[in-house]
Amino acid sequence: MFEKAYRYDAYFSFLVYIYVDGNGRTMRLLMNLRLMHYGYGIVSIPPVLRVEYIEALRVSQRANQPDAEPFITLIAEYTIETQKDYCRLLRIKAN
């Protein structure tokens, strides 16, 4: 289900990134709603990593040989890092 949520994000990103006026935030909101639906935590994508995020998204959407794996891996890593941030904030020791 984890991968399904990310593929959902990649699919909607294709539709949303046609427009440039803040729809990236809308797409990430939809992705987080989908992740929460499947029981996962939300993902926070730091602005300093936006270039990596956009590049992984482009690779997953390219017409010639699209590859979703870099995008899925990147989002999975962000999911883990976001959970670590919550643990640090709440002073919970993570394994």
N, C-alpha and C. Protein backbone atom coordinates (compact mmCIF):
# COMPACT_ATOMS: atom_id res chain seq x y z
N MET A 1 0.81 -1.19 0.00
CA MET A 1 0.00 0.00 0.00
C MET A 1 0.86 1.26 0.00
N PHE A 2 2.04 1.17 0.61
CA PHE A 2 2.94 2.31 0.67
C PHE A 2 3.27 2.79 -0.75
N GLU A 3 3.64 1.85 -1.59
CA GLU A 3 3.99 2.18 -2.96
C GLU A 3 2.78 2.71 -3.72
N LYS A 4 1.61 2.18 -3.44
CA LYS A 4 0.39 2.62 -4.11
C LYS A 4 0.14 4.11 -3.84
N ALA A 5 0.37 4.53 -2.61
CA ALA A 5 0.17 5.94 -2.26
C ALA A 5 1.15 6.82 -3.04
N TYR A 6 2.40 6.36 -3.20
CA TYR A 6 3.38 7.15 -3.93
C TYR A 6 3.07 7.18 -5.42
N ARG A 7 2.61 6.09 -5.95
CA ARG A 7 2.24 6.08 -7.37
C ARG A 7 1.05 7.00 -7.60
N TYR A 8 0.15 7.06 -6.64
CA TYR A 8 -0.99 7.98 -6.68
C TYR A 8 -0.46 9.41 -6.75
N ASP A 9 0.54 9.72 -5.92
CA ASP A 9 1.14 11.04 -5.91
C ASP A 9 1.78 11.36 -7.26
N ALA A 10 2.52 10.43 -7.80
CA ALA A 10 3.18 10.65 -9.09
C ALA A 10 2.16 10.89 -10.19
N TYR A 11 1.06 10.13 -10.17
CA TYR A 11 0.01 10.29 -11.18
C TYR A 11 -0.62 11.68 -11.08
N PHE A 12 -0.99 12.08 -9.87
CA PHE A 12 -1.62 13.38 -9.72
C PHE A 12 -0.63 14.52 -9.93
N SER A 13 0.63 14.29 -9.65
CA SER A 13 1.64 15.31 -9.91
C SER A 13 1.68 15.66 -11.39
N PHE A 14 1.52 14.66 -12.22
CA PHE A 14 1.50 14.89 -13.65
C PHE A 14 0.37 15.85 -14.02
N LEU A 15 -0.78 15.67 -13.41
CA LEU A 15 -1.93 16.52 -13.68
C LEU A 15 -1.79 17.90 -13.07
N VAL A 16 -1.23 17.96 -11.87
CA VAL A 16 -1.19 19.20 -11.12
C VAL A 16 -0.03 20.10 -11.55
N TYR A 17 1.12 19.54 -11.86
CA TYR A 17 2.28 20.37 -12.17
C TYR A 17 2.20 21.05 -13.52
N ILE A 18 1.12 20.85 -14.23
CA ILE A 18 0.91 21.61 -15.45
C ILE A 18 0.77 23.09 -15.10
N TYR A 19 0.24 23.36 -13.92
CA TYR A 19 0.02 24.72 -13.44
C TYR A 19 1.10 25.07 -12.43
N VAL A 20 1.46 26.35 -12.35
CA VAL A 20 2.59 26.73 -11.50
C VAL A 20 2.20 27.53 -10.26
N ASP A 21 0.97 27.82 -10.04
CA ASP A 21 0.57 28.72 -8.96
C ASP A 21 0.24 28.00 -7.65
N GLY A 22 1.22 27.29 -7.10
CA GLY A 22 1.04 26.67 -5.80
C GLY A 22 0.38 25.30 -5.82
N ASN A 23 0.17 24.73 -6.98
CA ASN A 23 -0.48 23.44 -7.02
C ASN A 23 0.40 22.29 -6.55
N GLY A 24 1.69 22.53 -6.44
CA GLY A 24 2.57 21.52 -5.85
C GLY A 24 2.15 21.23 -4.42
N ARG A 25 1.77 22.30 -3.71
CA ARG A 25 1.28 22.12 -2.33
C ARG A 25 0.01 21.29 -2.32
N THR A 26 -0.87 21.54 -3.28
CA THR A 26 -2.11 20.78 -3.38
C THR A 26 -1.81 19.31 -3.63
N MET A 27 -0.86 19.04 -4.51
CA MET A 27 -0.50 17.67 -4.83
C MET A 27 0.08 16.97 -3.61
N ARG A 28 0.95 17.67 -2.85
CA ARG A 28 1.53 17.05 -1.65
C ARG A 28 0.47 16.83 -0.58
N LEU A 29 -0.51 17.71 -0.51
CA LEU A 29 -1.63 17.51 0.41
C LEU A 29 -2.40 16.24 0.03
N LEU A 30 -2.68 16.07 -1.25
CA LEU A 30 -3.37 14.86 -1.70
C LEU A 30 -2.55 13.61 -1.40
N MET A 31 -1.24 13.69 -1.60
CA MET A 31 -0.38 12.56 -1.30
C MET A 31 -0.45 12.22 0.19
N ASN A 32 -0.37 13.25 1.05
CA ASN A 32 -0.42 13.00 2.49
C ASN A 32 -1.77 12.46 2.93
N LEU A 33 -2.84 12.91 2.33
CA LEU A 33 -4.15 12.35 2.64
C LEU A 33 -4.21 10.88 2.27
N ARG A 34 -3.63 10.56 1.14
CA ARG A 34 -3.60 9.16 0.70
C ARG A 34 -2.74 8.30 1.64
N LEU A 35 -1.59 8.84 2.04
CA LEU A 35 -0.74 8.11 2.98
C LEU A 35 -1.47 7.87 4.30
N MET A 36 -2.13 8.90 4.80
CA MET A 36 -2.88 8.76 6.05
C MET A 36 -4.01 7.74 5.90
N HIS A 37 -4.62 7.72 4.73
CA HIS A 37 -5.67 6.73 4.46
C HIS A 37 -5.16 5.31 4.64
N TYR A 38 -3.91 5.08 4.25
CA TYR A 38 -3.30 3.76 4.36
C TYR A 38 -2.57 3.55 5.69
N GLY A 39 -2.70 4.50 6.61
CA GLY A 39 -2.13 4.32 7.94
C GLY A 39 -0.71 4.82 8.11
N TYR A 40 -0.17 5.53 7.15
CA TYR A 40 1.18 6.08 7.25
C TYR A 40 1.10 7.52 7.73
N GLY A 41 2.24 8.01 8.21
CA GLY A 41 2.32 9.41 8.64
C GLY A 41 2.46 10.33 7.45
N ILE A 42 2.33 11.61 7.71
CA ILE A 42 2.48 12.58 6.64
C ILE A 42 3.95 12.74 6.28
N VAL A 43 4.19 13.29 5.11
CA VAL A 43 5.54 13.52 4.62
C VAL A 43 5.77 15.02 4.53
N SER A 44 6.89 15.45 5.07
CA SER A 44 7.28 16.84 4.96
C SER A 44 8.49 16.89 4.04
N ILE A 45 8.39 17.67 2.97
CA ILE A 45 9.49 17.78 2.02
C ILE A 45 10.17 19.12 2.24
N PRO A 46 11.37 19.11 2.80
CA PRO A 46 12.06 20.38 3.09
C PRO A 46 12.34 21.17 1.81
N PRO A 47 12.17 22.49 1.89
CA PRO A 47 12.44 23.32 0.71
C PRO A 47 13.85 23.15 0.15
N VAL A 48 14.83 22.85 1.01
CA VAL A 48 16.21 22.68 0.53
C VAL A 48 16.36 21.43 -0.34
N LEU A 49 15.41 20.50 -0.26
CA LEU A 49 15.47 19.29 -1.08
C LEU A 49 14.49 19.32 -2.25
N ARG A 50 13.94 20.49 -2.53
CA ARG A 50 12.93 20.62 -3.59
C ARG A 50 13.48 20.20 -4.95
N VAL A 51 14.72 20.54 -5.25
CA VAL A 51 15.31 20.20 -6.54
C VAL A 51 15.37 18.68 -6.72
N GLU A 52 15.81 17.96 -5.68
CA GLU A 52 15.83 16.49 -5.73
C GLU A 52 14.43 15.93 -5.96
N TYR A 53 13.48 16.50 -5.24
CA TYR A 53 12.09 16.06 -5.33
C TYR A 53 11.54 16.24 -6.75
N ILE A 54 11.73 17.43 -7.31
CA ILE A 54 11.24 17.73 -8.66
C ILE A 54 11.92 16.84 -9.68
N GLU A 55 13.22 16.61 -9.54
CA GLU A 55 13.94 15.74 -10.49
C GLU A 55 13.42 14.31 -10.43
N ALA A 56 13.23 13.79 -9.23
CA ALA A 56 12.69 12.43 -9.09
C ALA A 56 11.29 12.35 -9.69
N LEU A 57 10.52 13.39 -9.51
CA LEU A 57 9.18 13.44 -10.08
C LEU A 57 9.24 13.46 -11.61
N ARG A 58 10.14 14.23 -12.16
CA ARG A 58 10.30 14.30 -13.63
C ARG A 58 10.71 12.94 -14.21
N VAL A 59 11.63 12.26 -13.54
CA VAL A 59 12.07 10.94 -14.00
C VAL A 59 10.89 9.98 -14.01
N SER A 60 10.02 10.09 -13.02
CA SER A 60 8.87 9.17 -12.95
C SER A 60 7.82 9.48 -14.01
N GLN A 61 7.89 10.68 -14.59
CA GLN A 61 6.87 11.09 -15.55
C GLN A 61 7.37 11.22 -16.98
N ARG A 62 8.63 11.00 -17.21
CA ARG A 62 9.15 11.21 -18.55
C ARG A 62 8.47 10.25 -19.54
N ALA A 63 8.33 10.70 -20.75
CA ALA A 63 7.64 9.92 -21.78
C ALA A 63 8.44 8.69 -22.18
N ASN A 64 9.75 8.84 -22.28
CA ASN A 64 10.62 7.75 -22.69
C ASN A 64 11.21 7.09 -21.44
N GLN A 65 10.85 5.88 -21.16
CA GLN A 65 11.33 5.09 -20.04
C GLN A 65 11.08 5.74 -18.67
N PRO A 66 9.82 5.97 -18.32
CA PRO A 66 9.55 6.50 -16.98
C PRO A 66 9.99 5.51 -15.91
N ASP A 67 10.48 6.02 -14.81
CA ASP A 67 10.96 5.17 -13.72
C ASP A 67 10.49 5.77 -12.40
N ALA A 68 9.53 5.14 -11.77
CA ALA A 68 8.95 5.65 -10.52
C ALA A 68 9.82 5.34 -9.31
N GLU A 69 10.77 4.43 -9.43
CA GLU A 69 11.55 4.01 -8.26
C GLU A 69 12.29 5.15 -7.55
N PRO A 70 12.97 6.06 -8.28
CA PRO A 70 13.64 7.16 -7.56
C PRO A 70 12.65 8.02 -6.76
N PHE A 71 11.49 8.26 -7.32
CA PHE A 71 10.47 9.05 -6.63
C PHE A 71 9.95 8.31 -5.40
N ILE A 72 9.64 7.05 -5.57
CA ILE A 72 9.12 6.24 -4.45
C ILE A 72 10.17 6.17 -3.33
N THR A 73 11.41 5.95 -3.70
CA THR A 73 12.50 5.88 -2.71
C THR A 73 12.65 7.20 -1.97
N LEU A 74 12.63 8.29 -2.71
CA LEU A 74 12.78 9.61 -2.12
C LEU A 74 11.65 9.90 -1.13
N ILE A 75 10.42 9.62 -1.51
CA ILE A 75 9.28 9.86 -0.64
C ILE A 75 9.35 8.95 0.59
N ALA A 76 9.77 7.71 0.40
CA ALA A 76 9.92 6.80 1.54
C ALA A 76 10.97 7.34 2.51
N GLU A 77 12.08 7.85 1.98
CA GLU A 77 13.11 8.44 2.85
C GLU A 77 12.57 9.66 3.59
N TYR A 78 11.80 10.50 2.90
CA TYR A 78 11.20 11.67 3.54
C TYR A 78 10.22 11.24 4.63
N THR A 79 9.51 10.17 4.40
CA THR A 79 8.56 9.66 5.40
C THR A 79 9.31 9.29 6.68
N ILE A 80 10.41 8.59 6.52
CA ILE A 80 11.21 8.17 7.68
C ILE A 80 11.79 9.39 8.40
N GLU A 81 12.32 10.33 7.64
CA GLU A 81 12.92 11.52 8.25
C GLU A 81 11.86 12.36 8.97
N THR A 82 10.67 12.45 8.42
CA THR A 82 9.59 13.19 9.07
C THR A 82 9.23 12.54 10.40
N GLN A 83 9.17 11.20 10.41
CA GLN A 83 8.86 10.50 11.65
C GLN A 83 9.97 10.71 12.68
N LYS A 84 11.22 10.74 12.25
CA LYS A 84 12.33 11.02 13.16
C LYS A 84 12.21 12.43 13.73
N ASP A 85 11.81 13.38 12.89
CA ASP A 85 11.61 14.76 13.36
C ASP A 85 10.55 14.80 14.45
N TYR A 86 9.45 14.08 14.25
CA TYR A 86 8.40 14.03 15.27
C TYR A 86 8.93 13.42 16.57
N CYS A 87 9.71 12.37 16.46
CA CYS A 87 10.28 11.74 17.65
C CYS A 87 11.20 12.70 18.39
N ARG A 88 12.04 13.44 17.65
CA ARG A 88 12.92 14.42 18.29
C ARG A 88 12.10 15.52 18.96
N LEU A 89 11.08 15.99 18.27
CA LEU A 89 10.23 17.05 18.81
C LEU A 89 9.55 16.61 20.11
N LEU A 90 9.09 15.37 20.12
CA LEU A 90 8.39 14.85 21.29
C LEU A 90 9.33 14.16 22.28
N ARG A 91 10.65 14.19 21.96
CA ARG A 91 11.67 13.57 22.80
C ARG A 91 11.43 12.08 23.02
N ILE A 92 11.09 11.43 21.93
CA ILE A 92 10.88 9.99 21.94
C ILE A 92 12.09 9.35 21.28
N LYS A 93 12.64 8.35 21.89
CA LYS A 93 13.80 7.66 21.30
C LYS A 93 13.32 6.75 20.19
N ALA A 94 13.85 6.98 18.98
CA ALA A 94 13.52 6.14 17.82
C ALA A 94 14.49 4.99 17.75
N ASN A 95 14.02 3.88 17.21
CA ASN A 95 14.90 2.70 17.05
C ASN A 95 15.80 2.86 15.88
